[in-house]
Amino acid sequence: LGQRMWTPLGTQVPRYDFRLWPHGPGCRVGVQVTSSLT
């Protein structure tokens, strides 16, 4: 979870989530980015 970043238009808080699960001989990585805006 990132810190709230101020801009002249408002703020943004980025969040990066990674989930892993087995898939075949390796794995899959789910990458999710969420931006909370004000």
All heavy atoms as atom14 arrays in JSON, in Angstrom:
{
  "sequence": "LGQRMWTPLGTQVPRYDFRLWPHGPGCRVGVQVTSSLT",
  "atom14_mask": [
    [1, 1, 1, 1, 1, 1, 1, 1, 0, 0, 0, 0, 0, 0],
    [1, 1, 1, 1, 0, 0, 0, 0, 0, 0, 0, 0, 0, 0],
    [1, 1, 1, 1, 1, 1, 1, 1, 1, 0, 0, 0, 0, 0],
    [1, 1, 1, 1, 1, 1, 1, 1, 1, 1, 1, 0, 0, 0],
    [1, 1, 1, 1, 1, 1, 1, 1, 0, 0, 0, 0, 0, 0],
    [1, 1, 1, 1, 1, 1, 1, 1, 1, 1, 1, 1, 1, 1],
    [1, 1, 1, 1, 1, 1, 1, 0, 0, 0, 0, 0, 0, 0],
    [1, 1, 1, 1, 1, 1, 1, 0, 0, 0, 0, 0, 0, 0],
    [1, 1, 1, 1, 1, 1, 1, 1, 0, 0, 0, 0, 0, 0],
    [1, 1, 1, 1, 0, 0, 0, 0, 0, 0, 0, 0, 0, 0],
    [1, 1, 1, 1, 1, 1, 1, 0, 0, 0, 0, 0, 0, 0],
    [1, 1, 1, 1, 1, 1, 1, 1, 1, 0, 0, 0, 0, 0],
    [1, 1, 1, 1, 1, 1, 1, 0, 0, 0, 0, 0, 0, 0],
    [1, 1, 1, 1, 1, 1, 1, 0, 0, 0, 0, 0, 0, 0],
    [1, 1, 1, 1, 1, 1, 1, 1, 1, 1, 1, 0, 0, 0],
    [1, 1, 1, 1, 1, 1, 1, 1, 1, 1, 1, 1, 0, 0],
    [1, 1, 1, 1, 1, 1, 1, 1, 0, 0, 0, 0, 0, 0],
    [1, 1, 1, 1, 1, 1, 1, 1, 1, 1, 1, 0, 0, 0],
    [1, 1, 1, 1, 1, 1, 1, 1, 1, 1, 1, 0, 0, 0],
    [1, 1, 1, 1, 1, 1, 1, 1, 0, 0, 0, 0, 0, 0],
    [1, 1, 1, 1, 1, 1, 1, 1, 1, 1, 1, 1, 1, 1],
    [1, 1, 1, 1, 1, 1, 1, 0, 0, 0, 0, 0, 0, 0],
    [1, 1, 1, 1, 1, 1, 1, 1, 1, 1, 0, 0, 0, 0],
    [1, 1, 1, 1, 0, 0, 0, 0, 0, 0, 0, 0, 0, 0],
    [1, 1, 1, 1, 1, 1, 1, 0, 0, 0, 0, 0, 0, 0],
    [1, 1, 1, 1, 0, 0, 0, 0, 0, 0, 0, 0, 0, 0],
    [1, 1, 1, 1, 1, 1, 0, 0, 0, 0, 0, 0, 0, 0],
    [1, 1, 1, 1, 1, 1, 1, 1, 1, 1, 1, 0, 0, 0],
    [1, 1, 1, 1, 1, 1, 1, 0, 0, 0, 0, 0, 0, 0],
    [1, 1, 1, 1, 0, 0, 0, 0, 0, 0, 0, 0, 0, 0],
    [1, 1, 1, 1, 1, 1, 1, 0, 0, 0, 0, 0, 0, 0],
    [1, 1, 1, 1, 1, 1, 1, 1, 1, 0, 0, 0, 0, 0],
    [1, 1, 1, 1, 1, 1, 1, 0, 0, 0, 0, 0, 0, 0],
    [1, 1, 1, 1, 1, 1, 1, 0, 0, 0, 0, 0, 0, 0],
    [1, 1, 1, 1, 1, 1, 0, 0, 0, 0, 0, 0, 0, 0],
    [1, 1, 1, 1, 1, 1, 0, 0, 0, 0, 0, 0, 0, 0],
    [1, 1, 1, 1, 1, 1, 1, 1, 0, 0, 0, 0, 0, 0],
    [1, 1, 1, 1, 1, 1, 1, 0, 0, 0, 0, 0, 0, 0]
  ],
  "atom14_positions": [
    [[0.85, -1.19, 0.0], [0.0, 0.0, 0.0], [0.88, 1.23, 0.0], [1.74, 1.4, 0.87], [-0.91, 0.0, 1.23], [-1.88, 1.16, 1.35], [-2.9, 1.14, 0.21], [-2.6, 1.1, 2.69], [0.0, 0.0, 0.0], [0.0, 0.0, 0.0], [0.0, 0.0, 0.0], [0.0, 0.0, 0.0], [0.0, 0.0, 0.0], [0.0, 0.0, 0.0]],
    [[0.66, 2.11, -0.99], [1.43, 3.33, -1.1], [0.84, 4.44, -0.25], [-0.31, 4.38, 0.17], [0.0, 0.0, 0.0], [0.0, 0.0, 0.0], [0.0, 0.0, 0.0], [0.0, 0.0, 0.0], [0.0, 0.0, 0.0], [0.0, 0.0, 0.0], [0.0, 0.0, 0.0], [0.0, 0.0, 0.0], [0.0, 0.0, 0.0], [0.0, 0.0, 0.0]],
    [[1.63, 5.47, -0.03], [1.2, 6.64, 0.73], [0.35, 7.52, -0.16], [0.52, 7.56, -1.37], [2.45, 7.4, 1.18], [2.18, 8.65, 1.97], [3.5, 9.34, 2.36], [4.56, 8.74, 2.3], [3.4, 10.59, 2.73], [0.0, 0.0, 0.0], [0.0, 0.0, 0.0], [0.0, 0.0, 0.0], [0.0, 0.0, 0.0], [0.0, 0.0, 0.0]],
    [[-0.55, 8.27, 0.46], [-1.41, 9.2, -0.27], [-0.54, 10.25, -0.97], [0.3, 10.89, -0.35], [-2.36, 9.88, 0.69], [-3.31, 10.86, 0.05], [-4.23, 11.48, 1.07], [-4.89, 10.5, 1.9], [-6.09, 9.95, 1.64], [-6.74, 10.31, 0.58], [-6.6, 9.07, 2.46], [0.0, 0.0, 0.0], [0.0, 0.0, 0.0], [0.0, 0.0, 0.0]],
    [[-0.74, 10.41, -2.28], [0.01, 11.38, -3.07], [-0.92, 12.52, -3.46], [-1.99, 12.29, -4.01], [0.58, 10.72, -4.31], [1.65, 9.71, -3.99], [2.29, 8.94, -5.47], [1.07, 7.66, -5.7], [0.0, 0.0, 0.0], [0.0, 0.0, 0.0], [0.0, 0.0, 0.0], [0.0, 0.0, 0.0], [0.0, 0.0, 0.0], [0.0, 0.0, 0.0]],
    [[-0.48, 13.72, -3.18], [-1.28, 14.9, -3.45], [-1.0, 15.42, -4.85], [0.13, 15.41, -5.32], [-0.96, 15.99, -2.43], [-1.75, 17.23, -2.65], [-2.98, 17.51, -2.15], [-1.38, 18.37, -3.42], [-3.41, 18.74, -2.57], [-2.44, 19.29, -3.37], [-0.27, 18.69, -4.18], [-2.4, 20.52, -4.02], [-0.22, 19.91, -4.84], [-1.3, 20.81, -4.74]],
    [[-2.05, 15.87, -5.55], [-1.93, 16.58, -6.82], [-2.84, 17.79, -6.72], [-3.72, 17.84, -5.85], [-2.37, 15.72, -8.02], [-3.78, 15.54, -7.97], [-1.68, 14.37, -8.03], [0.0, 0.0, 0.0], [0.0, 0.0, 0.0], [0.0, 0.0, 0.0], [0.0, 0.0, 0.0], [0.0, 0.0, 0.0], [0.0, 0.0, 0.0], [0.0, 0.0, 0.0]],
    [[-2.72, 18.76, -7.6], [-3.63, 19.9, -7.56], [-5.1, 19.51, -7.75], [-6.0, 20.23, -7.35], [-3.16, 20.79, -8.71], [-1.73, 20.42, -8.91], [-1.63, 18.97, -8.55], [0.0, 0.0, 0.0], [0.0, 0.0, 0.0], [0.0, 0.0, 0.0], [0.0, 0.0, 0.0], [0.0, 0.0, 0.0], [0.0, 0.0, 0.0], [0.0, 0.0, 0.0]],
    [[-5.33, 18.34, -8.34], [-6.71, 17.89, -8.58], [-7.27, 17.02, -7.46], [-8.47, 16.76, -7.43], [-6.78, 17.1, -9.89], [-6.49, 17.92, -11.14], [-6.45, 17.0, -12.36], [-7.55, 18.99, -11.33], [0.0, 0.0, 0.0], [0.0, 0.0, 0.0], [0.0, 0.0, 0.0], [0.0, 0.0, 0.0], [0.0, 0.0, 0.0], [0.0, 0.0, 0.0]],
    [[-6.45, 16.54, -6.57], [-6.91, 15.64, -5.51], [-5.78, 14.72, -5.09], [-4.61, 15.02, -5.31], [0.0, 0.0, 0.0], [0.0, 0.0, 0.0], [0.0, 0.0, 0.0], [0.0, 0.0, 0.0], [0.0, 0.0, 0.0], [0.0, 0.0, 0.0], [0.0, 0.0, 0.0], [0.0, 0.0, 0.0], [0.0, 0.0, 0.0], [0.0, 0.0, 0.0]],
    [[-6.14, 13.58, -4.51], [-5.12, 12.64, -4.05], [-5.3, 11.28, -4.7], [-6.38, 10.95, -5.19], [-5.16, 12.48, -2.52], [-6.42, 11.92, -2.15], [-4.92, 13.79, -1.81], [0.0, 0.0, 0.0], [0.0, 0.0, 0.0], [0.0, 0.0, 0.0], [0.0, 0.0, 0.0], [0.0, 0.0, 0.0], [0.0, 0.0, 0.0], [0.0, 0.0, 0.0]],
    [[-4.21, 10.51, -4.64], [-4.22, 9.14, -5.16], [-3.46, 8.26, -4.19], [-2.4, 8.64, -3.71], [-3.56, 9.1, -6.54], [-3.42, 7.72, -7.1], [-2.77, 7.73, -8.48], [-2.59, 8.75, -9.1], [-2.41, 6.56, -8.94], [0.0, 0.0, 0.0], [0.0, 0.0, 0.0], [0.0, 0.0, 0.0], [0.0, 0.0, 0.0], [0.0, 0.0, 0.0]],
    [[-4.03, 7.08, -3.88], [-3.35, 6.09, -3.05], [-3.29, 4.79, -3.85], [-4.31, 4.16, -4.1], [-4.12, 5.84, -1.72], [-3.42, 4.77, -0.9], [-4.25, 7.13, -0.93], [0.0, 0.0, 0.0], [0.0, 0.0, 0.0], [0.0, 0.0, 0.0], [0.0, 0.0, 0.0], [0.0, 0.0, 0.0], [0.0, 0.0, 0.0], [0.0, 0.0, 0.0]],
    [[-2.08, 4.39, -4.29], [-1.96, 3.15, -5.05], [-1.81, 1.93, -4.14], [-1.25, 2.02, -3.06], [-0.69, 3.37, -5.87], [0.14, 4.25, -5.0], [-0.82, 5.12, -4.24], [0.0, 0.0, 0.0], [0.0, 0.0, 0.0], [0.0, 0.0, 0.0], [0.0, 0.0, 0.0], [0.0, 0.0, 0.0], [0.0, 0.0, 0.0], [0.0, 0.0, 0.0]],
    [[-2.35, 0.81, -4.6], [-2.18, -0.46, -3.9], [-1.85, -1.52, -4.94], [-2.49, -1.6, -5.98], [-3.44, -0.84, -3.15], [-3.27, -2.18, -2.45], [-4.39, -2.54, -1.55], [-4.21, -3.9, -1.09], [-4.57, -4.34, 0.07], [-5.14, -3.52, 0.93], [-4.37, -5.58, 0.4], [0.0, 0.0, 0.0], [0.0, 0.0, 0.0], [0.0, 0.0, 0.0]],
    [[-0.81, -2.31, -4.63], [-0.37, -3.38, -5.52], [-0.57, -4.71, -4.8], [-0.03, -4.91, -3.72], [1.12, -3.21, -5.87], [1.48, -1.8, -6.31], [2.16, -0.94, -5.46], [1.13, -1.34, -7.57], [2.5, 0.35, -5.86], [1.45, -0.06, -7.98], [2.14, 0.78, -7.12], [2.46, 2.06, -7.52], [0.0, 0.0, 0.0], [0.0, 0.0, 0.0]],
    [[-1.36, -5.61, -5.39], [-1.61, -6.93, -4.8], [-1.15, -8.01, -5.75], [-1.4, -7.94, -6.96], [-3.1, -7.11, -4.51], [-3.54, -6.35, -3.29], [-3.09, -6.72, -2.19], [-4.33, -5.4, -3.42], [0.0, 0.0, 0.0], [0.0, 0.0, 0.0], [0.0, 0.0, 0.0], [0.0, 0.0, 0.0], [0.0, 0.0, 0.0], [0.0, 0.0, 0.0]],
    [[-0.5, -9.04, -5.19], [-0.02, -10.17, -5.98], [-0.53, -11.46, -5.33], [-0.36, -11.64, -4.13], [1.51, -10.19, -6.03], [2.1, -8.86, -6.41], [2.69, -8.06, -5.45], [2.05, -8.42, -7.71], [3.23, -6.82, -5.79], [2.58, -7.18, -8.06], [3.17, -6.39, -7.1], [0.0, 0.0, 0.0], [0.0, 0.0, 0.0], [0.0, 0.0, 0.0]],
    [[-1.13, -12.3, -6.12], [-1.58, -13.63, -5.64], [-0.94, -14.69, -6.52], [-0.83, -14.51, -7.72], [-3.09, -13.74, -5.72], [-3.75, -12.77, -4.79], [-4.97, -13.37, -4.21], [-5.61, -12.43, -3.32], [-6.24, -12.79, -2.26], [-6.33, -14.03, -1.92], [-6.81, -11.89, -1.49], [0.0, 0.0, 0.0], [0.0, 0.0, 0.0], [0.0, 0.0, 0.0]],
    [[-0.56, -15.78, -5.9], [0.09, -16.86, -6.63], [-0.65, -18.16, -6.39], [-1.15, -18.4, -5.29], [1.54, -17.02, -6.14], [2.48, -15.86, -6.44], [2.46, -14.86, -5.32], [3.87, -16.38, -6.66], [0.0, 0.0, 0.0], [0.0, 0.0, 0.0], [0.0, 0.0, 0.0], [0.0, 0.0, 0.0], [0.0, 0.0, 0.0], [0.0, 0.0, 0.0]],
    [[-0.69, -18.99, -7.41], [-1.25, -20.32, -7.28], [-0.58, -21.24, -8.3], [-0.12, -20.78, -9.35], [-2.77, -20.32, -7.42], [-3.33, -19.86, -8.74], [-3.71, -20.64, -9.78], [-3.58, -18.52, -9.15], [-4.18, -19.87, -10.81], [-4.12, -18.56, -10.45], [-3.41, -17.27, -8.55], [-4.48, -17.43, -11.16], [-3.76, -16.13, -9.26], [-4.29, -16.22, -10.54]],
    [[-0.48, -22.55, -7.97], [0.16, -23.49, -8.9], [-0.63, -23.56, -10.21], [-1.85, -23.5, -10.22], [0.1, -24.83, -8.16], [-0.18, -24.49, -6.74], [-0.9, -23.18, -6.73], [0.0, 0.0, 0.0], [0.0, 0.0, 0.0], [0.0, 0.0, 0.0], [0.0, 0.0, 0.0], [0.0, 0.0, 0.0], [0.0, 0.0, 0.0], [0.0, 0.0, 0.0]],
    [[0.11, -23.7, -11.3], [-0.51, -23.83, -12.62], [0.43, -24.64, -13.5], [1.49, -24.15, -13.89], [-0.77, -22.45, -13.22], [-1.39, -22.51, -14.58], [-2.7, -22.85, -14.77], [-0.87, -22.27, -15.8], [-2.97, -22.81, -16.06], [-1.88, -22.47, -16.71], [0.0, 0.0, 0.0], [0.0, 0.0, 0.0], [0.0, 0.0, 0.0], [0.0, 0.0, 0.0]],
    [[0.04, -25.86, -13.81], [0.88, -26.73, -14.63], [2.23, -26.95, -13.97], [2.32, -27.13, -12.76], [0.0, 0.0, 0.0], [0.0, 0.0, 0.0], [0.0, 0.0, 0.0], [0.0, 0.0, 0.0], [0.0, 0.0, 0.0], [0.0, 0.0, 0.0], [0.0, 0.0, 0.0], [0.0, 0.0, 0.0], [0.0, 0.0, 0.0], [0.0, 0.0, 0.0]],
    [[3.31, -26.87, -14.75], [4.65, -27.1, -14.18], [5.18, -25.9, -13.39], [6.19, -26.0, -12.72], [5.52, -27.35, -15.41], [4.84, -26.6, -16.51], [3.36, -26.68, -16.2], [0.0, 0.0, 0.0], [0.0, 0.0, 0.0], [0.0, 0.0, 0.0], [0.0, 0.0, 0.0], [0.0, 0.0, 0.0], [0.0, 0.0, 0.0], [0.0, 0.0, 0.0]],
    [[4.51, -24.78, -13.44], [4.97, -23.59, -12.74], [3.88, -22.97, -11.89], [3.25, -23.65, -11.08], [0.0, 0.0, 0.0], [0.0, 0.0, 0.0], [0.0, 0.0, 0.0], [0.0, 0.0, 0.0], [0.0, 0.0, 0.0], [0.0, 0.0, 0.0], [0.0, 0.0, 0.0], [0.0, 0.0, 0.0], [0.0, 0.0, 0.0], [0.0, 0.0, 0.0]],
    [[3.65, -21.69, -12.07], [2.64, -21.0, -11.28], [2.03, -19.87, -12.09], [2.54, -19.5, -13.15], [3.23, -20.46, -9.98], [4.4, -19.11, -10.2], [0.0, 0.0, 0.0], [0.0, 0.0, 0.0], [0.0, 0.0, 0.0], [0.0, 0.0, 0.0], [0.0, 0.0, 0.0], [0.0, 0.0, 0.0], [0.0, 0.0, 0.0], [0.0, 0.0, 0.0]],
    [[0.95, -19.35, -11.58], [0.35, -18.14, -12.14], [0.42, -17.06, -11.08], [0.25, -17.31, -9.9], [-1.12, -18.38, -12.48], [-1.29, -18.89, -13.88], [-2.58, -18.45, -14.49], [-2.55, -18.82, -15.88], [-3.58, -19.26, -16.55], [-4.76, -19.36, -15.97], [-3.47, -19.56, -17.82], [0.0, 0.0, 0.0], [0.0, 0.0, 0.0], [0.0, 0.0, 0.0]],
    [[0.66, -15.85, -11.56], [0.71, -14.69, -10.67], [-0.39, -13.74, -11.11], [-0.42, -13.29, -12.25], [2.08, -13.97, -10.76], [2.1, -12.76, -9.85], [3.21, -14.92, -10.43], [0.0, 0.0, 0.0], [0.0, 0.0, 0.0], [0.0, 0.0, 0.0], [0.0, 0.0, 0.0], [0.0, 0.0, 0.0], [0.0, 0.0, 0.0], [0.0, 0.0, 0.0]],
    [[-1.32, -13.46, -10.19], [-2.34, -12.46, -10.44], [-1.85, -11.13, -9.9], [-1.42, -11.04, -8.75], [0.0, 0.0, 0.0], [0.0, 0.0, 0.0], [0.0, 0.0, 0.0], [0.0, 0.0, 0.0], [0.0, 0.0, 0.0], [0.0, 0.0, 0.0], [0.0, 0.0, 0.0], [0.0, 0.0, 0.0], [0.0, 0.0, 0.0], [0.0, 0.0, 0.0]],
    [[-1.83, -10.12, -10.74], [-1.36, -8.79, -10.35], [-2.54, -7.84, -10.43], [-3.21, -7.75, -11.45], [-0.23, -8.31, -11.3], [0.23, -6.92, -10.91], [0.93, -9.29, -11.31], [0.0, 0.0, 0.0], [0.0, 0.0, 0.0], [0.0, 0.0, 0.0], [0.0, 0.0, 0.0], [0.0, 0.0, 0.0], [0.0, 0.0, 0.0], [0.0, 0.0, 0.0]],
    [[-2.8, -7.16, -9.33], [-3.93, -6.23, -9.26], [-3.43, -4.88, -8.77], [-2.7, -4.8, -7.79], [-4.97, -6.77, -8.29], [-6.16, -5.87, -8.1], [-7.2, -6.52, -7.22], [-7.67, -7.6, -7.51], [-7.53, -5.88, -6.13], [0.0, 0.0, 0.0], [0.0, 0.0, 0.0], [0.0, 0.0, 0.0], [0.0, 0.0, 0.0], [0.0, 0.0, 0.0]],
    [[-3.81, -3.83, -9.49], [-3.48, -2.46, -9.08], [-4.78, -1.74, -8.82], [-5.69, -1.75, -9.64], [-2.66, -1.72, -10.16], [-2.43, -0.28, -9.76], [-1.35, -2.43, -10.41], [0.0, 0.0, 0.0], [0.0, 0.0, 0.0], [0.0, 0.0, 0.0], [0.0, 0.0, 0.0], [0.0, 0.0, 0.0], [0.0, 0.0, 0.0], [0.0, 0.0, 0.0]],
    [[-4.88, -1.12, -7.65], [-6.07, -0.35, -7.27], [-5.61, 1.05, -6.91], [-4.67, 1.22, -6.14], [-6.77, -0.99, -6.06], [-7.01, -2.37, -6.34], [-8.08, -0.29, -5.76], [0.0, 0.0, 0.0], [0.0, 0.0, 0.0], [0.0, 0.0, 0.0], [0.0, 0.0, 0.0], [0.0, 0.0, 0.0], [0.0, 0.0, 0.0], [0.0, 0.0, 0.0]],
    [[-6.28, 2.05, -7.46], [-5.97, 3.45, -7.13], [-7.17, 4.06, -6.43], [-8.25, 4.13, -7.01], [-5.66, 4.25, -8.38], [-4.47, 3.82, -8.96], [0.0, 0.0, 0.0], [0.0, 0.0, 0.0], [0.0, 0.0, 0.0], [0.0, 0.0, 0.0], [0.0, 0.0, 0.0], [0.0, 0.0, 0.0], [0.0, 0.0, 0.0], [0.0, 0.0, 0.0]],
    [[-6.99, 4.51, -5.18], [-8.05, 5.21, -4.47], [-7.87, 6.69, -4.76], [-6.82, 7.26, -4.47], [-7.95, 4.95, -2.97], [-8.12, 3.59, -2.7], [0.0, 0.0, 0.0], [0.0, 0.0, 0.0], [0.0, 0.0, 0.0], [0.0, 0.0, 0.0], [0.0, 0.0, 0.0], [0.0, 0.0, 0.0], [0.0, 0.0, 0.0], [0.0, 0.0, 0.0]],
    [[-8.88, 7.31, -5.33], [-8.8, 8.7, -5.76], [-9.75, 9.58, -4.96], [-10.81, 9.12, -4.53], [-9.16, 8.81, -7.25], [-8.39, 7.89, -8.2], [-8.96, 7.99, -9.6], [-6.92, 8.23, -8.19], [0.0, 0.0, 0.0], [0.0, 0.0, 0.0], [0.0, 0.0, 0.0], [0.0, 0.0, 0.0], [0.0, 0.0, 0.0], [0.0, 0.0, 0.0]],
    [[-9.38, 10.84, -4.78], [-10.27, 11.81, -4.12], [-10.25, 13.11, -4.91], [-9.37, 13.34, -5.75], [-9.82, 12.12, -2.67], [-8.54, 12.74, -2.71], [-9.79, 10.87, -1.82], [0.0, 0.0, 0.0], [0.0, 0.0, 0.0], [0.0, 0.0, 0.0], [0.0, 0.0, 0.0], [0.0, 0.0, 0.0], [0.0, 0.0, 0.0], [0.0, 0.0, 0.0]]
  ]
}
